Amino acid sequence: MKVLKFFLWIGAILGVLGLIAYATVFDVWTVPGDDPKLAVAVEPSLSVGDVLLVTRHGENHSRGELLRCDDPQAAGRYIVGRLVGLQGEKLAFEEELVVIGGKRTSIPYGCADRTLTHPTTGEEVALVCSVEEFGSRRYEVLRAKDRREPPLQTEAERGVFLVSDNRHMHLDSRDYGSIAPSTCRQVVFRLWGTSGFGDSDRRLTFLW
């Protein structure tokens, strides 16, 4: 009986701490499924239906952070991308990989390839998966197996430069320009995926 009471007290304390954190530190946000371009752009790190913790405050973001920012083209909506460039920095894309200072950020680790439906054409697109290490973070990115986008030279002109982890079917600063960091919040944790808490591969996952 004493053991049961102990665990009940622990559960109550953790619950209170969780409510305080929710009220002051984090927002709970679910990746929406009503925007086909966003739905494929957030892969493979996120998926439609993922329930996430997003910070409420802060605009001093670090390289490699996964950010949710206000959509500059649609009030009340969001875009999600990886911070790769700070204001005034120049960067390039070669074979859909980010190149900064002449160096690629990819490392020799493989991950599971994907086939996703193109949100505009409806075509099934084969994508290869690779791992990047950037800003002390490691994460997976997707690129087209063939028909990759041509090389690009660009710059973060008036804010931070975001890049989708899906480098081929992207919705990022290549499409809408640099983003004001004051509109961005860090995506830090996945509570569970679209299949619910029973999906052990998608629940309780740190995303930084």
N, C-alpha and C. Protein backbone atom coordinates (compact mmCIF):
# COMPACT_ATOMS: atom_id res chain seq x y z
N MET A 1 0.84 -1.20 0.00
CA MET A 1 0.00 0.00 0.00
C MET A 1 0.88 1.26 0.00
N LYS A 2 1.93 1.23 0.80
CA LYS A 2 2.82 2.38 0.85
C LYS A 2 3.51 2.60 -0.49
N VAL A 3 3.86 1.48 -1.15
CA VAL A 3 4.51 1.59 -2.46
C VAL A 3 3.56 2.22 -3.47
N LEU A 4 2.27 1.82 -3.42
CA LEU A 4 1.28 2.37 -4.33
C LEU A 4 1.12 3.88 -4.11
N LYS A 5 1.04 4.27 -2.83
CA LYS A 5 0.91 5.70 -2.53
C LYS A 5 2.13 6.48 -3.02
N PHE A 6 3.31 5.88 -2.87
CA PHE A 6 4.54 6.53 -3.32
C PHE A 6 4.48 6.83 -4.82
N PHE A 7 4.07 5.80 -5.59
CA PHE A 7 4.01 5.99 -7.03
C PHE A 7 2.90 6.96 -7.43
N LEU A 8 1.81 6.96 -6.68
CA LEU A 8 0.74 7.93 -6.96
C LEU A 8 1.23 9.35 -6.73
N TRP A 9 1.99 9.54 -5.65
CA TRP A 9 2.54 10.87 -5.37
C TRP A 9 3.53 11.29 -6.46
N ILE A 10 4.38 10.36 -6.86
CA ILE A 10 5.33 10.65 -7.94
C ILE A 10 4.59 11.04 -9.21
N GLY A 11 3.53 10.28 -9.53
CA GLY A 11 2.75 10.59 -10.72
C GLY A 11 2.09 11.95 -10.64
N ALA A 12 1.58 12.29 -9.45
CA ALA A 12 0.93 13.59 -9.27
C ALA A 12 1.93 14.73 -9.42
N ILE A 13 3.12 14.56 -8.83
CA ILE A 13 4.16 15.60 -8.92
C ILE A 13 4.60 15.79 -10.38
N LEU A 14 4.82 14.68 -11.08
CA LEU A 14 5.22 14.78 -12.48
C LEU A 14 4.13 15.43 -13.32
N GLY A 15 2.87 15.12 -12.99
CA GLY A 15 1.76 15.73 -13.70
C GLY A 15 1.72 17.23 -13.51
N VAL A 16 1.94 17.68 -12.27
CA VAL A 16 1.94 19.11 -11.99
C VAL A 16 3.10 19.79 -12.72
N LEU A 17 4.28 19.17 -12.66
CA LEU A 17 5.44 19.74 -13.36
C LEU A 17 5.18 19.82 -14.87
N GLY A 18 4.51 18.79 -15.40
CA GLY A 18 4.18 18.80 -16.82
C GLY A 18 3.23 19.92 -17.18
N LEU A 19 2.24 20.17 -16.33
CA LEU A 19 1.30 21.26 -16.58
C LEU A 19 1.99 22.61 -16.52
N ILE A 20 2.91 22.77 -15.57
CA ILE A 20 3.66 24.03 -15.46
C ILE A 20 4.50 24.25 -16.71
N ALA A 21 5.19 23.18 -17.16
CA ALA A 21 6.02 23.29 -18.37
C ALA A 21 5.16 23.63 -19.58
N TYR A 22 3.98 22.99 -19.67
CA TYR A 22 3.09 23.26 -20.80
C TYR A 22 2.62 24.71 -20.80
N ALA A 23 2.32 25.24 -19.60
CA ALA A 23 1.78 26.59 -19.48
C ALA A 23 2.84 27.66 -19.72
N THR A 24 4.11 27.34 -19.44
CA THR A 24 5.13 28.40 -19.45
C THR A 24 6.24 28.19 -20.48
N VAL A 25 6.49 26.95 -20.86
CA VAL A 25 7.67 26.67 -21.69
C VAL A 25 7.31 26.15 -23.08
N PHE A 26 6.34 25.23 -23.17
CA PHE A 26 6.07 24.54 -24.43
C PHE A 26 4.63 24.72 -24.90
N ASP A 27 4.47 24.65 -26.21
CA ASP A 27 3.18 24.47 -26.86
C ASP A 27 3.11 23.05 -27.39
N VAL A 28 1.92 22.47 -27.41
CA VAL A 28 1.70 21.19 -28.07
C VAL A 28 1.12 21.48 -29.45
N TRP A 29 1.76 20.93 -30.48
CA TRP A 29 1.34 21.19 -31.86
C TRP A 29 1.34 19.89 -32.64
N THR A 30 0.32 19.70 -33.45
CA THR A 30 0.21 18.52 -34.30
C THR A 30 0.48 18.89 -35.74
N VAL A 31 1.36 18.15 -36.41
CA VAL A 31 1.66 18.42 -37.82
C VAL A 31 0.39 18.23 -38.64
N PRO A 32 -0.11 19.28 -39.30
CA PRO A 32 -1.39 19.17 -40.01
C PRO A 32 -1.28 18.36 -41.29
N GLY A 33 -2.41 17.84 -41.71
CA GLY A 33 -2.43 17.03 -42.92
C GLY A 33 -3.15 17.69 -44.08
N ASP A 34 -3.50 18.97 -43.93
CA ASP A 34 -4.26 19.64 -44.97
C ASP A 34 -3.40 20.43 -45.94
N ASP A 35 -2.09 20.32 -45.83
CA ASP A 35 -1.17 20.99 -46.74
C ASP A 35 -0.24 19.94 -47.34
N PRO A 36 -0.51 19.46 -48.56
CA PRO A 36 0.30 18.38 -49.15
C PRO A 36 1.79 18.72 -49.27
N LYS A 37 2.11 20.01 -49.53
CA LYS A 37 3.51 20.39 -49.67
C LYS A 37 4.24 20.29 -48.33
N LEU A 38 3.61 20.78 -47.27
CA LEU A 38 4.22 20.67 -45.93
C LEU A 38 4.34 19.21 -45.52
N ALA A 39 3.33 18.42 -45.84
CA ALA A 39 3.30 17.01 -45.42
C ALA A 39 4.50 16.23 -45.90
N VAL A 40 4.95 16.49 -47.15
CA VAL A 40 6.12 15.76 -47.65
C VAL A 40 7.42 16.46 -47.28
N ALA A 41 7.37 17.80 -47.13
CA ALA A 41 8.59 18.55 -46.84
C ALA A 41 9.17 18.22 -45.47
N VAL A 42 8.32 17.86 -44.49
CA VAL A 42 8.82 17.59 -43.14
C VAL A 42 9.40 16.19 -42.99
N GLU A 43 9.19 15.31 -43.97
CA GLU A 43 9.78 13.98 -43.91
C GLU A 43 11.30 14.08 -44.08
N PRO A 44 12.12 13.18 -43.53
CA PRO A 44 11.74 12.03 -42.73
C PRO A 44 11.71 12.29 -41.22
N SER A 45 12.07 13.50 -40.79
CA SER A 45 12.14 13.77 -39.34
C SER A 45 10.76 13.78 -38.70
N LEU A 46 9.77 14.31 -39.43
CA LEU A 46 8.40 14.40 -38.94
C LEU A 46 7.44 13.79 -39.94
N SER A 47 6.22 13.56 -39.49
CA SER A 47 5.16 13.08 -40.37
C SER A 47 3.85 13.74 -39.97
N VAL A 48 2.91 13.76 -40.90
CA VAL A 48 1.57 14.26 -40.59
C VAL A 48 1.01 13.50 -39.38
N GLY A 49 0.43 14.23 -38.44
CA GLY A 49 -0.16 13.61 -37.26
C GLY A 49 0.76 13.52 -36.07
N ASP A 50 2.06 13.80 -36.25
CA ASP A 50 2.98 13.81 -35.11
C ASP A 50 2.55 14.89 -34.12
N VAL A 51 2.52 14.52 -32.84
CA VAL A 51 2.17 15.47 -31.77
C VAL A 51 3.48 15.91 -31.12
N LEU A 52 3.77 17.20 -31.19
CA LEU A 52 5.09 17.72 -30.86
C LEU A 52 5.04 18.74 -29.73
N LEU A 53 6.19 18.88 -29.04
CA LEU A 53 6.39 19.98 -28.11
C LEU A 53 7.25 21.03 -28.82
N VAL A 54 6.74 22.27 -28.83
CA VAL A 54 7.41 23.40 -29.47
C VAL A 54 7.62 24.48 -28.42
N THR A 55 8.82 25.05 -28.38
CA THR A 55 9.08 26.09 -27.38
C THR A 55 8.17 27.28 -27.59
N ARG A 56 7.80 27.94 -26.50
CA ARG A 56 6.95 29.12 -26.57
C ARG A 56 7.74 30.39 -26.84
N HIS A 57 9.00 30.43 -26.39
CA HIS A 57 9.75 31.68 -26.41
C HIS A 57 11.12 31.45 -27.07
N GLY A 58 11.80 32.58 -27.38
CA GLY A 58 13.18 32.52 -27.83
C GLY A 58 13.33 32.72 -29.32
N GLU A 59 14.32 33.54 -29.70
CA GLU A 59 14.62 33.73 -31.11
C GLU A 59 16.12 33.64 -31.38
N ASN A 60 16.92 33.30 -30.36
CA ASN A 60 18.36 33.10 -30.55
C ASN A 60 18.61 31.65 -30.90
N HIS A 61 18.35 31.30 -32.13
CA HIS A 61 18.38 29.91 -32.55
C HIS A 61 19.77 29.50 -33.00
N SER A 62 20.04 28.20 -32.91
CA SER A 62 21.34 27.64 -33.27
C SER A 62 21.25 26.88 -34.58
N ARG A 63 22.40 26.74 -35.22
CA ARG A 63 22.46 25.99 -36.47
C ARG A 63 22.02 24.54 -36.24
N GLY A 64 21.28 24.03 -37.20
CA GLY A 64 20.84 22.65 -37.14
C GLY A 64 19.53 22.45 -36.42
N GLU A 65 19.01 23.49 -35.74
CA GLU A 65 17.73 23.34 -35.04
C GLU A 65 16.59 23.16 -36.04
N LEU A 66 15.64 22.33 -35.65
CA LEU A 66 14.41 22.18 -36.42
C LEU A 66 13.42 23.20 -35.89
N LEU A 67 12.96 24.11 -36.77
CA LEU A 67 12.14 25.24 -36.34
C LEU A 67 10.77 25.20 -36.98
N ARG A 68 9.79 25.64 -36.21
CA ARG A 68 8.45 25.92 -36.74
C ARG A 68 8.29 27.44 -36.76
N CYS A 69 8.06 28.00 -37.94
CA CYS A 69 7.99 29.45 -38.10
C CYS A 69 6.65 29.84 -38.73
N ASP A 70 6.26 31.08 -38.52
CA ASP A 70 5.06 31.59 -39.17
C ASP A 70 5.24 31.54 -40.69
N ASP A 71 4.22 31.07 -41.38
CA ASP A 71 4.27 31.03 -42.84
C ASP A 71 4.19 32.46 -43.36
N PRO A 72 5.21 32.93 -44.09
CA PRO A 72 5.21 34.31 -44.57
C PRO A 72 4.18 34.57 -45.66
N GLN A 73 3.58 33.49 -46.19
CA GLN A 73 2.64 33.63 -47.29
C GLN A 73 1.20 33.29 -46.91
N ALA A 74 0.99 32.85 -45.65
CA ALA A 74 -0.36 32.46 -45.24
C ALA A 74 -0.51 32.68 -43.74
N ALA A 75 -1.23 33.71 -43.37
CA ALA A 75 -1.40 34.05 -41.96
C ALA A 75 -2.09 32.91 -41.21
N GLY A 76 -1.58 32.64 -40.00
CA GLY A 76 -2.18 31.61 -39.17
C GLY A 76 -1.67 30.21 -39.44
N ARG A 77 -0.78 30.07 -40.41
CA ARG A 77 -0.21 28.76 -40.71
C ARG A 77 1.28 28.77 -40.44
N TYR A 78 1.90 27.58 -40.50
CA TYR A 78 3.32 27.45 -40.16
C TYR A 78 4.07 26.73 -41.27
N ILE A 79 5.39 26.96 -41.27
CA ILE A 79 6.30 26.16 -42.07
C ILE A 79 7.35 25.58 -41.11
N VAL A 80 7.98 24.49 -41.53
CA VAL A 80 8.95 23.79 -40.69
C VAL A 80 10.22 23.57 -41.50
N GLY A 81 11.37 23.90 -40.90
CA GLY A 81 12.62 23.70 -41.61
C GLY A 81 13.80 23.67 -40.67
N ARG A 82 14.93 23.27 -41.21
CA ARG A 82 16.18 23.17 -40.45
C ARG A 82 16.97 24.47 -40.65
N LEU A 83 17.44 25.09 -39.57
CA LEU A 83 18.21 26.33 -39.69
C LEU A 83 19.62 25.99 -40.17
N VAL A 84 19.97 26.47 -41.37
CA VAL A 84 21.30 26.19 -41.90
C VAL A 84 22.10 27.46 -42.15
N GLY A 85 21.44 28.62 -42.28
CA GLY A 85 22.17 29.85 -42.58
C GLY A 85 21.69 31.02 -41.76
N LEU A 86 22.64 31.80 -41.24
CA LEU A 86 22.32 33.02 -40.50
C LEU A 86 22.38 34.22 -41.43
N GLN A 87 21.80 35.31 -41.00
CA GLN A 87 21.69 36.49 -41.84
C GLN A 87 23.05 36.92 -42.41
N GLY A 88 23.08 37.14 -43.72
CA GLY A 88 24.29 37.58 -44.41
C GLY A 88 25.18 36.46 -44.90
N GLU A 89 24.90 35.22 -44.51
CA GLU A 89 25.75 34.10 -44.92
C GLU A 89 25.37 33.61 -46.32
N LYS A 90 26.37 33.16 -47.04
CA LYS A 90 26.16 32.55 -48.34
C LYS A 90 26.24 31.04 -48.22
N LEU A 91 25.40 30.37 -48.99
CA LEU A 91 25.42 28.91 -48.99
C LEU A 91 25.06 28.42 -50.37
N ALA A 92 25.30 27.13 -50.59
CA ALA A 92 25.06 26.55 -51.91
C ALA A 92 24.39 25.19 -51.73
N PHE A 93 23.77 24.73 -52.82
CA PHE A 93 23.20 23.38 -52.87
C PHE A 93 23.82 22.66 -54.05
N GLU A 94 24.36 21.48 -53.78
CA GLU A 94 24.94 20.64 -54.81
C GLU A 94 24.39 19.23 -54.63
N GLU A 95 23.73 18.71 -55.68
CA GLU A 95 23.07 17.42 -55.61
C GLU A 95 22.09 17.38 -54.43
N GLU A 96 21.47 18.54 -54.17
CA GLU A 96 20.46 18.72 -53.12
C GLU A 96 21.03 18.59 -51.71
N LEU A 97 22.35 18.71 -51.60
CA LEU A 97 23.00 18.76 -50.29
C LEU A 97 23.46 20.19 -50.02
N VAL A 98 23.40 20.61 -48.74
CA VAL A 98 23.84 21.95 -48.37
C VAL A 98 25.36 22.00 -48.34
N VAL A 99 25.91 23.07 -48.91
CA VAL A 99 27.36 23.30 -48.89
C VAL A 99 27.60 24.67 -48.27
N ILE A 100 28.38 24.68 -47.18
CA ILE A 100 28.71 25.94 -46.50
C ILE A 100 30.22 26.04 -46.39
N GLY A 101 30.78 27.15 -46.86
CA GLY A 101 32.23 27.31 -46.82
C GLY A 101 32.95 26.26 -47.62
N GLY A 102 32.31 25.78 -48.69
CA GLY A 102 32.93 24.77 -49.54
C GLY A 102 32.84 23.36 -49.01
N LYS A 103 32.17 23.15 -47.88
CA LYS A 103 32.09 21.83 -47.27
C LYS A 103 30.64 21.35 -47.19
N ARG A 104 30.45 20.08 -47.52
CA ARG A 104 29.13 19.47 -47.37
C ARG A 104 28.93 19.04 -45.91
N THR A 105 27.66 18.99 -45.54
CA THR A 105 27.36 18.62 -44.16
C THR A 105 27.02 17.13 -44.01
N SER A 106 27.00 16.38 -45.11
CA SER A 106 26.64 14.97 -45.02
C SER A 106 27.79 14.15 -44.44
N ILE A 107 27.45 13.05 -43.79
CA ILE A 107 28.43 12.13 -43.22
C ILE A 107 28.12 10.73 -43.73
N PRO A 108 29.08 9.79 -43.67
CA PRO A 108 28.89 8.48 -44.30
C PRO A 108 28.05 7.51 -43.48
N TYR A 109 26.80 7.87 -43.23
CA TYR A 109 25.87 6.97 -42.56
C TYR A 109 24.63 6.86 -43.42
N GLY A 110 24.13 5.66 -43.58
CA GLY A 110 22.94 5.46 -44.38
C GLY A 110 21.69 5.39 -43.52
N CYS A 111 20.53 5.46 -44.16
CA CYS A 111 19.25 5.33 -43.49
C CYS A 111 18.24 4.83 -44.52
N ALA A 112 17.03 4.62 -44.12
CA ALA A 112 16.05 3.97 -44.98
C ALA A 112 15.57 4.90 -46.10
N ASP A 113 15.70 4.44 -47.35
CA ASP A 113 15.19 5.20 -48.49
C ASP A 113 13.66 5.22 -48.45
N ARG A 114 13.07 6.20 -49.14
CA ARG A 114 11.62 6.37 -49.13
C ARG A 114 11.11 6.55 -50.56
N THR A 115 9.83 6.28 -50.73
CA THR A 115 9.10 6.67 -51.94
C THR A 115 7.90 7.48 -51.48
N LEU A 116 7.82 8.73 -51.93
CA LEU A 116 6.75 9.63 -51.53
C LEU A 116 6.04 10.18 -52.76
N THR A 117 4.78 10.56 -52.57
CA THR A 117 3.99 11.11 -53.66
C THR A 117 4.24 12.60 -53.78
N HIS A 118 4.58 13.04 -54.99
CA HIS A 118 4.81 14.47 -55.21
C HIS A 118 3.51 15.23 -55.02
N PRO A 119 3.51 16.30 -54.20
CA PRO A 119 2.26 16.98 -53.87
C PRO A 119 1.61 17.72 -55.02
N THR A 120 2.36 17.99 -56.09
CA THR A 120 1.81 18.74 -57.23
C THR A 120 1.46 17.82 -58.39
N THR A 121 2.38 16.92 -58.73
CA THR A 121 2.18 16.08 -59.91
C THR A 121 1.49 14.76 -59.61
N GLY A 122 1.51 14.33 -58.34
CA GLY A 122 0.96 13.03 -57.99
C GLY A 122 1.88 11.87 -58.34
N GLU A 123 3.07 12.18 -58.84
CA GLU A 123 4.04 11.16 -59.24
C GLU A 123 4.70 10.53 -58.01
N GLU A 124 4.95 9.23 -58.07
CA GLU A 124 5.70 8.56 -57.02
C GLU A 124 7.19 8.83 -57.24
N VAL A 125 7.85 9.39 -56.24
CA VAL A 125 9.24 9.81 -56.37
C VAL A 125 10.11 8.99 -55.44
N ALA A 126 11.13 8.33 -56.00
CA ALA A 126 12.09 7.57 -55.19
C ALA A 126 13.11 8.52 -54.58
N LEU A 127 13.29 8.43 -53.26
CA LEU A 127 14.19 9.31 -52.54
C LEU A 127 15.22 8.49 -51.77
N VAL A 128 16.46 8.96 -51.79
CA VAL A 128 17.52 8.30 -51.03
C VAL A 128 17.72 9.05 -49.72
N CYS A 129 18.03 8.33 -48.69
CA CYS A 129 18.20 8.90 -47.35
C CYS A 129 19.68 8.93 -46.98
N SER A 130 20.09 10.05 -46.39
CA SER A 130 21.45 10.17 -45.86
C SER A 130 21.40 10.92 -44.55
N VAL A 131 22.51 10.92 -43.84
CA VAL A 131 22.57 11.56 -42.53
C VAL A 131 23.47 12.78 -42.61
N GLU A 132 23.03 13.87 -42.00
CA GLU A 132 23.83 15.07 -41.90
C GLU A 132 24.22 15.31 -40.45
N GLU A 133 25.36 15.95 -40.28
CA GLU A 133 25.80 16.40 -38.96
C GLU A 133 26.06 17.90 -39.07
N PHE A 134 25.30 18.67 -38.33
CA PHE A 134 25.37 20.12 -38.48
C PHE A 134 24.99 20.77 -37.15
N GLY A 135 25.86 21.67 -36.67
CA GLY A 135 25.57 22.34 -35.42
C GLY A 135 25.47 21.37 -34.26
N SER A 136 26.31 20.32 -34.22
CA SER A 136 26.34 19.28 -33.19
C SER A 136 25.09 18.40 -33.20
N ARG A 137 24.31 18.45 -34.28
CA ARG A 137 23.11 17.63 -34.39
C ARG A 137 23.24 16.68 -35.57
N ARG A 138 22.67 15.49 -35.43
CA ARG A 138 22.60 14.54 -36.53
C ARG A 138 21.14 14.28 -36.86
N TYR A 139 20.84 14.24 -38.15
CA TYR A 139 19.46 14.05 -38.57
C TYR A 139 19.47 13.50 -40.00
N GLU A 140 18.36 12.90 -40.38
CA GLU A 140 18.23 12.29 -41.69
C GLU A 140 17.64 13.29 -42.69
N VAL A 141 18.09 13.20 -43.94
CA VAL A 141 17.55 14.02 -45.02
C VAL A 141 17.26 13.13 -46.22
N LEU A 142 16.35 13.60 -47.06
CA LEU A 142 15.98 12.87 -48.27
C LEU A 142 16.36 13.67 -49.50
N ARG A 143 16.86 12.97 -50.54
CA ARG A 143 17.17 13.59 -51.82
C ARG A 143 16.62 12.71 -52.93
N ALA A 144 16.38 13.28 -54.08
CA ALA A 144 15.90 12.50 -55.22
C ALA A 144 16.95 11.49 -55.65
N LYS A 145 16.48 10.33 -56.06
CA LYS A 145 17.40 9.31 -56.56
C LYS A 145 17.95 9.72 -57.92
N ASP A 146 17.12 10.35 -58.71
CA ASP A 146 17.55 10.91 -60.00
C ASP A 146 16.78 12.20 -60.24
N ARG A 147 17.10 12.89 -61.31
CA ARG A 147 16.48 14.18 -61.66
C ARG A 147 16.54 15.17 -60.48
N ARG A 148 17.73 15.27 -59.89
CA ARG A 148 17.91 16.22 -58.78
C ARG A 148 17.91 17.65 -59.29
N GLU A 149 17.63 18.59 -58.38
CA GLU A 149 17.62 19.99 -58.75
C GLU A 149 19.02 20.47 -59.12
N PRO A 150 19.13 21.44 -60.03
CA PRO A 150 20.44 21.95 -60.42
C PRO A 150 21.13 22.69 -59.27
N PRO A 151 22.45 22.87 -59.34
CA PRO A 151 23.18 23.59 -58.29
C PRO A 151 22.60 24.99 -58.09
N LEU A 152 22.71 25.48 -56.86
CA LEU A 152 22.15 26.78 -56.51
C LEU A 152 23.09 27.51 -55.58
N GLN A 153 23.33 28.77 -55.85
CA GLN A 153 24.07 29.66 -54.96
C GLN A 153 23.07 30.67 -54.39
N THR A 154 23.06 30.85 -53.06
CA THR A 154 22.08 31.74 -52.46
C THR A 154 22.64 32.37 -51.20
N GLU A 155 21.80 33.16 -50.53
CA GLU A 155 22.25 33.91 -49.35
C GLU A 155 21.07 34.12 -48.40
N ALA A 156 21.36 34.11 -47.11
CA ALA A 156 20.35 34.46 -46.11
C ALA A 156 20.36 35.98 -45.98
N GLU A 157 19.46 36.63 -46.68
CA GLU A 157 19.54 38.08 -46.82
C GLU A 157 18.98 38.84 -45.61
N ARG A 158 17.78 38.50 -45.16
CA ARG A 158 17.12 39.32 -44.13
C ARG A 158 16.60 38.48 -42.98
N GLY A 159 17.29 37.44 -42.62
CA GLY A 159 16.86 36.58 -41.53
C GLY A 159 17.60 35.26 -41.57
N VAL A 160 16.97 34.19 -41.06
CA VAL A 160 17.59 32.88 -41.08
C VAL A 160 17.14 32.11 -42.32
N PHE A 161 18.00 31.22 -42.79
CA PHE A 161 17.71 30.42 -43.98
C PHE A 161 17.33 29.02 -43.52
N LEU A 162 16.11 28.60 -43.83
CA LEU A 162 15.61 27.29 -43.45
C LEU A 162 15.63 26.34 -44.64
N VAL A 163 15.90 25.07 -44.37
CA VAL A 163 15.90 24.06 -45.41
C VAL A 163 15.09 22.86 -44.93
N SER A 164 14.21 22.37 -45.79
CA SER A 164 13.44 21.18 -45.46
C SER A 164 14.34 19.96 -45.38
N ASP A 165 14.04 19.03 -44.47
CA ASP A 165 14.79 17.78 -44.42
C ASP A 165 14.52 16.94 -45.66
N ASN A 166 13.38 17.12 -46.30
CA ASN A 166 13.16 16.57 -47.64
C ASN A 166 13.70 17.59 -48.63
N ARG A 167 14.91 17.38 -49.10
CA ARG A 167 15.60 18.38 -49.91
C ARG A 167 15.05 18.47 -51.33
N HIS A 168 14.33 17.46 -51.77
CA HIS A 168 13.82 17.46 -53.15
C HIS A 168 12.42 18.06 -53.21
N MET A 169 11.49 17.57 -52.41
CA MET A 169 10.13 18.11 -52.37
C MET A 169 10.04 19.05 -51.18
N HIS A 170 10.64 20.20 -51.33
CA HIS A 170 10.86 21.09 -50.20
C HIS A 170 9.82 22.20 -50.12
N LEU A 171 9.73 22.78 -48.92
CA LEU A 171 8.95 23.99 -48.68
C LEU A 171 9.78 24.79 -47.69
N ASP A 172 10.73 25.57 -48.23
CA ASP A 172 11.72 26.21 -47.37
C ASP A 172 12.16 27.55 -47.95
N SER A 173 13.29 28.05 -47.50
CA SER A 173 13.73 29.38 -47.91
C SER A 173 14.10 29.45 -49.39
N ARG A 174 14.26 28.32 -50.04
CA ARG A 174 14.42 28.33 -51.49
C ARG A 174 13.13 28.74 -52.18
N ASP A 175 12.02 28.57 -51.48
CA ASP A 175 10.71 28.89 -52.04
C ASP A 175 10.18 30.25 -51.58
N TYR A 176 10.44 30.62 -50.32
CA TYR A 176 9.84 31.84 -49.78
C TYR A 176 10.85 32.82 -49.18
N GLY A 177 12.15 32.56 -49.35
CA GLY A 177 13.16 33.49 -48.86
C GLY A 177 13.49 33.29 -47.38
N SER A 178 14.35 34.16 -46.88
CA SER A 178 14.76 34.09 -45.47
C SER A 178 13.58 34.42 -44.55
N ILE A 179 13.68 33.94 -43.31
CA ILE A 179 12.59 34.07 -42.34
C ILE A 179 13.07 34.89 -41.15
N ALA A 180 12.21 35.76 -40.64
CA ALA A 180 12.53 36.52 -39.43
C ALA A 180 12.60 35.56 -38.25
N PRO A 181 13.73 35.49 -37.53
CA PRO A 181 13.87 34.53 -36.43
C PRO A 181 12.86 34.75 -35.31
N SER A 182 12.33 35.96 -35.19
CA SER A 182 11.36 36.24 -34.13
C SER A 182 10.07 35.47 -34.32
N THR A 183 9.81 34.96 -35.52
CA THR A 183 8.59 34.20 -35.78
C THR A 183 8.78 32.70 -35.59
N CYS A 184 9.99 32.28 -35.20
CA CYS A 184 10.33 30.86 -35.16
C CYS A 184 10.42 30.34 -33.72
N ARG A 185 10.02 29.09 -33.55
CA ARG A 185 10.16 28.39 -32.29
C ARG A 185 10.73 27.00 -32.57
N GLN A 186 11.53 26.50 -31.64
CA GLN A 186 12.20 25.21 -31.86
C GLN A 186 11.27 24.05 -31.59
N VAL A 187 11.31 23.08 -32.50
CA VAL A 187 10.62 21.79 -32.30
C VAL A 187 11.58 20.89 -31.54
N VAL A 188 11.20 20.46 -30.32
CA VAL A 188 12.16 19.78 -29.47
C VAL A 188 11.83 18.32 -29.18
N PHE A 189 10.54 17.93 -29.26
CA PHE A 189 10.20 16.60 -28.76
C PHE A 189 8.92 16.12 -29.45
N ARG A 190 8.90 14.81 -29.81
CA ARG A 190 7.68 14.19 -30.33
C ARG A 190 7.06 13.34 -29.22
N LEU A 191 5.82 13.66 -28.86
CA LEU A 191 5.12 12.88 -27.84
C LEU A 191 4.68 11.53 -28.42
N TRP A 192 4.06 11.57 -29.60
CA TRP A 192 3.69 10.33 -30.30
C TRP A 192 3.37 10.67 -31.74
N GLY A 193 3.31 9.63 -32.57
CA GLY A 193 3.02 9.81 -33.98
C GLY A 193 1.56 9.62 -34.29
N THR A 194 1.25 9.58 -35.59
CA THR A 194 -0.14 9.51 -36.00
C THR A 194 -0.83 8.22 -35.58
N SER A 195 -0.05 7.15 -35.32
CA SER A 195 -0.63 5.87 -34.90
C SER A 195 -0.90 5.82 -33.40
N GLY A 196 -0.57 6.89 -32.69
CA GLY A 196 -0.84 6.93 -31.26
C GLY A 196 0.34 6.49 -30.42
N PHE A 197 0.12 6.44 -29.12
CA PHE A 197 1.19 6.15 -28.18
C PHE A 197 1.71 4.73 -28.30
N GLY A 198 0.93 3.85 -28.90
CA GLY A 198 1.36 2.46 -29.04
C GLY A 198 2.46 2.25 -30.05
N ASP A 199 2.74 3.26 -30.90
CA ASP A 199 3.81 3.16 -31.90
C ASP A 199 5.12 3.51 -31.24
N SER A 200 5.89 2.50 -30.84
CA SER A 200 7.11 2.72 -30.06
C SER A 200 8.20 3.42 -30.86
N ASP A 201 8.16 3.31 -32.19
CA ASP A 201 9.19 3.94 -33.01
C ASP A 201 9.02 5.45 -33.11
N ARG A 202 7.81 5.96 -32.86
CA ARG A 202 7.53 7.38 -33.06
C ARG A 202 7.25 8.13 -31.77
N ARG A 203 7.16 7.44 -30.64
CA ARG A 203 6.78 8.13 -29.40
C ARG A 203 8.01 8.54 -28.61
N LEU A 204 7.82 9.62 -27.84
CA LEU A 204 8.84 10.07 -26.87
C LEU A 204 10.23 10.20 -27.52
N THR A 205 10.30 11.05 -28.55
CA THR A 205 11.51 11.17 -29.35
C THR A 205 12.05 12.61 -29.28
N PHE A 206 13.30 12.78 -28.87
CA PHE A 206 13.93 14.09 -28.93
C PHE A 206 14.26 14.42 -30.39
N LEU A 207 14.02 15.67 -30.76
CA LEU A 207 14.20 16.07 -32.16
C LEU A 207 15.29 17.11 -32.34
N TRP A 208 16.07 17.36 -31.28
CA TRP A 208 17.19 18.33 -31.44
C TRP A 208 18.49 17.61 -31.59
